[in-house]
N, C-alpha and C. Protein backbone atom coordinates (compact mmCIF):
# COMPACT_ATOMS: atom_id res chain seq x y z
N UNK A 1 37.54 144.85 54.27
CA UNK A 1 37.40 144.89 52.84
C UNK A 1 36.59 146.12 52.40
N UNK A 2 35.56 146.42 53.16
CA UNK A 2 34.70 147.56 52.82
C UNK A 2 35.50 148.85 52.82
N UNK A 3 36.34 149.05 53.82
CA UNK A 3 37.15 150.25 53.92
C UNK A 3 38.14 150.37 52.78
N UNK A 4 38.75 149.26 52.41
CA UNK A 4 39.71 149.26 51.31
C UNK A 4 39.03 149.65 50.00
N UNK A 5 37.85 149.10 49.74
CA UNK A 5 37.12 149.44 48.52
C UNK A 5 36.72 150.91 48.51
N UNK A 6 36.32 151.44 49.66
CA UNK A 6 35.96 152.87 49.74
C UNK A 6 37.15 153.75 49.42
N UNK A 7 38.30 153.44 49.97
CA UNK A 7 39.51 154.25 49.73
C UNK A 7 39.89 154.22 48.25
N UNK A 8 39.85 153.06 47.65
CA UNK A 8 40.20 152.94 46.23
C UNK A 8 39.22 153.74 45.38
N UNK A 9 37.93 153.57 45.63
CA UNK A 9 36.91 154.24 44.82
C UNK A 9 36.97 155.76 44.99
N UNK A 10 37.14 156.22 46.22
CA UNK A 10 37.17 157.66 46.47
C UNK A 10 38.38 158.33 45.82
N UNK A 11 39.46 157.59 45.66
CA UNK A 11 40.64 158.17 45.03
C UNK A 11 40.49 158.27 43.51
N UNK A 12 39.54 157.54 42.94
CA UNK A 12 39.35 157.53 41.50
C UNK A 12 38.34 158.55 41.00
N UNK A 13 37.36 158.89 41.82
CA UNK A 13 36.21 159.68 41.35
C UNK A 13 36.35 161.17 41.64
N UNK A 14 35.53 161.97 40.97
CA UNK A 14 35.51 163.42 41.20
C UNK A 14 34.58 163.80 42.36
N UNK A 15 33.60 162.94 42.67
CA UNK A 15 32.65 163.20 43.75
C UNK A 15 32.80 162.12 44.82
N UNK A 16 33.85 162.19 45.64
CA UNK A 16 34.07 161.13 46.63
C UNK A 16 33.00 161.05 47.71
N UNK A 17 32.24 162.13 47.91
CA UNK A 17 31.19 162.11 48.91
C UNK A 17 30.00 161.26 48.48
N UNK A 18 29.91 160.93 47.19
CA UNK A 18 28.80 160.11 46.70
C UNK A 18 29.14 158.62 46.58
N UNK A 19 30.33 158.25 47.04
CA UNK A 19 30.73 156.84 47.02
C UNK A 19 30.08 156.12 48.19
N UNK A 20 29.35 155.04 47.89
CA UNK A 20 28.69 154.25 48.92
C UNK A 20 29.04 152.79 48.72
N UNK A 21 29.52 152.15 49.78
CA UNK A 21 29.84 150.72 49.72
C UNK A 21 28.98 150.02 50.76
N UNK A 22 28.23 149.02 50.30
CA UNK A 22 27.43 148.22 51.22
C UNK A 22 27.92 146.78 51.14
N UNK A 23 27.78 146.06 52.24
CA UNK A 23 28.21 144.67 52.24
C UNK A 23 27.07 143.76 52.70
N UNK A 24 27.01 142.61 52.06
CA UNK A 24 26.01 141.60 52.40
C UNK A 24 26.70 140.25 52.50
N UNK A 25 26.31 139.48 53.47
CA UNK A 25 26.83 138.13 53.62
C UNK A 25 25.88 137.17 52.93
N UNK A 26 26.37 136.39 51.97
CA UNK A 26 25.56 135.41 51.26
C UNK A 26 26.22 134.05 51.37
N UNK A 27 25.57 133.05 50.77
CA UNK A 27 26.16 131.71 50.79
C UNK A 27 27.39 131.64 49.89
N UNK A 28 27.50 132.55 48.93
CA UNK A 28 28.67 132.60 48.05
C UNK A 28 29.87 133.25 48.73
N UNK A 29 29.61 134.09 49.72
CA UNK A 29 30.67 134.82 50.40
C UNK A 29 30.20 136.23 50.71
N UNK A 30 31.14 137.12 50.88
CA UNK A 30 30.84 138.51 51.17
C UNK A 30 30.67 139.27 49.86
N UNK A 31 29.54 139.96 49.70
CA UNK A 31 29.27 140.74 48.49
C UNK A 31 29.39 142.21 48.83
N UNK A 32 30.29 142.91 48.15
CA UNK A 32 30.46 144.34 48.33
C UNK A 32 29.85 145.05 47.12
N UNK A 33 28.90 145.94 47.37
CA UNK A 33 28.26 146.70 46.30
C UNK A 33 28.80 148.12 46.32
N UNK A 34 29.35 148.55 45.19
CA UNK A 34 29.92 149.89 45.07
C UNK A 34 28.98 150.75 44.25
N UNK A 35 28.57 151.88 44.81
CA UNK A 35 27.72 152.83 44.10
C UNK A 35 28.45 154.16 44.04
N UNK A 36 28.51 154.74 42.83
CA UNK A 36 29.15 156.05 42.63
C UNK A 36 28.19 156.94 41.85
N UNK A 37 28.54 158.21 41.74
CA UNK A 37 27.72 159.14 40.96
C UNK A 37 27.73 158.69 39.49
N UNK A 38 26.62 158.89 38.78
CA UNK A 38 26.56 158.47 37.37
C UNK A 38 27.67 159.08 36.51
N UNK A 39 28.10 160.28 36.82
CA UNK A 39 29.17 160.91 36.04
C UNK A 39 30.53 160.27 36.31
N UNK A 40 30.68 159.57 37.42
CA UNK A 40 31.95 158.92 37.77
C UNK A 40 31.99 157.44 37.39
N UNK A 41 30.92 156.92 36.84
CA UNK A 41 30.86 155.49 36.53
C UNK A 41 31.98 155.07 35.58
N UNK A 42 32.24 155.87 34.58
CA UNK A 42 33.29 155.53 33.61
C UNK A 42 34.67 155.49 34.23
N UNK A 43 34.91 156.31 35.22
CA UNK A 43 36.22 156.34 35.89
C UNK A 43 36.43 155.09 36.73
N UNK A 44 35.36 154.55 37.26
CA UNK A 44 35.47 153.34 38.09
C UNK A 44 35.58 152.09 37.22
N UNK A 45 34.89 152.10 36.09
CA UNK A 45 34.91 150.93 35.21
C UNK A 45 36.15 150.93 34.31
N UNK A 46 36.48 152.07 33.72
CA UNK A 46 37.65 152.16 32.85
C UNK A 46 37.38 151.61 31.47
N UNK A 47 38.35 151.81 30.58
CA UNK A 47 38.21 151.31 29.21
C UNK A 47 38.22 149.79 29.23
N UNK A 48 37.21 149.22 28.61
CA UNK A 48 37.03 147.77 28.52
C UNK A 48 37.03 147.09 29.89
N UNK A 49 36.66 147.84 30.94
CA UNK A 49 36.56 147.26 32.27
C UNK A 49 37.87 147.01 32.97
N UNK A 50 38.94 147.64 32.51
CA UNK A 50 40.26 147.36 33.09
C UNK A 50 40.38 147.82 34.54
N UNK A 51 39.86 148.99 34.86
CA UNK A 51 39.97 149.49 36.23
C UNK A 51 39.10 148.64 37.16
N UNK A 52 37.90 148.30 36.71
CA UNK A 52 37.02 147.45 37.52
C UNK A 52 37.68 146.10 37.78
N UNK A 53 38.32 145.55 36.78
CA UNK A 53 39.01 144.26 36.94
C UNK A 53 40.16 144.40 37.93
N UNK A 54 40.88 145.52 37.87
CA UNK A 54 41.99 145.74 38.79
C UNK A 54 41.50 145.91 40.23
N UNK A 55 40.39 146.62 40.39
CA UNK A 55 39.81 146.79 41.74
C UNK A 55 39.42 145.42 42.29
N UNK A 56 38.77 144.61 41.47
CA UNK A 56 38.37 143.27 41.94
C UNK A 56 39.59 142.42 42.30
N UNK A 57 40.67 142.55 41.54
CA UNK A 57 41.89 141.78 41.83
C UNK A 57 42.50 142.18 43.17
N UNK A 58 42.55 143.48 43.45
CA UNK A 58 43.11 143.96 44.71
C UNK A 58 42.26 143.49 45.88
N UNK A 59 40.95 143.60 45.76
CA UNK A 59 40.06 143.17 46.84
C UNK A 59 40.15 141.66 47.04
N UNK A 60 40.22 140.91 45.94
CA UNK A 60 40.33 139.45 46.05
C UNK A 60 41.64 139.05 46.71
N UNK A 61 42.73 139.76 46.40
CA UNK A 61 44.02 139.46 47.02
C UNK A 61 43.98 139.75 48.51
N UNK A 62 43.36 140.87 48.90
CA UNK A 62 43.25 141.21 50.32
C UNK A 62 42.37 140.19 51.05
N UNK A 63 41.33 139.74 50.39
CA UNK A 63 40.42 138.76 51.01
C UNK A 63 41.09 137.40 51.16
N UNK A 64 41.94 137.04 50.23
CA UNK A 64 42.58 135.72 50.30
C UNK A 64 43.55 135.65 51.48
N UNK A 65 44.08 136.80 51.90
CA UNK A 65 44.95 136.81 53.07
C UNK A 65 44.17 136.46 54.33
N UNK A 66 42.86 136.71 54.31
CA UNK A 66 42.00 136.41 55.46
C UNK A 66 41.14 135.17 55.23
N UNK A 67 41.43 134.44 54.17
CA UNK A 67 40.68 133.22 53.80
C UNK A 67 39.19 133.49 53.65
N UNK A 68 38.85 134.57 52.96
CA UNK A 68 37.47 134.92 52.69
C UNK A 68 37.25 134.99 51.19
N UNK A 69 36.01 134.84 50.78
CA UNK A 69 35.66 135.02 49.39
C UNK A 69 34.83 136.30 49.29
N UNK A 70 35.29 137.22 48.45
CA UNK A 70 34.62 138.52 48.31
C UNK A 70 34.27 138.74 46.85
N UNK A 71 33.05 139.21 46.62
CA UNK A 71 32.57 139.54 45.28
C UNK A 71 32.29 141.03 45.25
N UNK A 72 32.84 141.74 44.24
CA UNK A 72 32.63 143.18 44.12
C UNK A 72 31.67 143.41 42.97
N UNK A 73 30.56 144.10 43.28
CA UNK A 73 29.58 144.46 42.26
C UNK A 73 29.55 145.98 42.15
N UNK A 74 29.65 146.48 40.93
CA UNK A 74 29.61 147.92 40.68
C UNK A 74 28.24 148.26 40.11
N UNK A 75 27.53 149.16 40.79
CA UNK A 75 26.18 149.51 40.34
C UNK A 75 26.11 150.97 39.99
């Protein structure tokens, strides 16, 4: 999941070297934290959060194939 999120985020931003994805295991499931450069934040979130919602949908679909619960947080 971490690799998939990195590939998606790096393809969207202007500074792909500043994309950082960390993962934590919690009681809720796997939490993926995405950090990008401040100037790229709008590109990852999109108008009214549409791109962020799409990223979460793709990650959730990939996780469901492995019977995992994944939460994506954009910071």
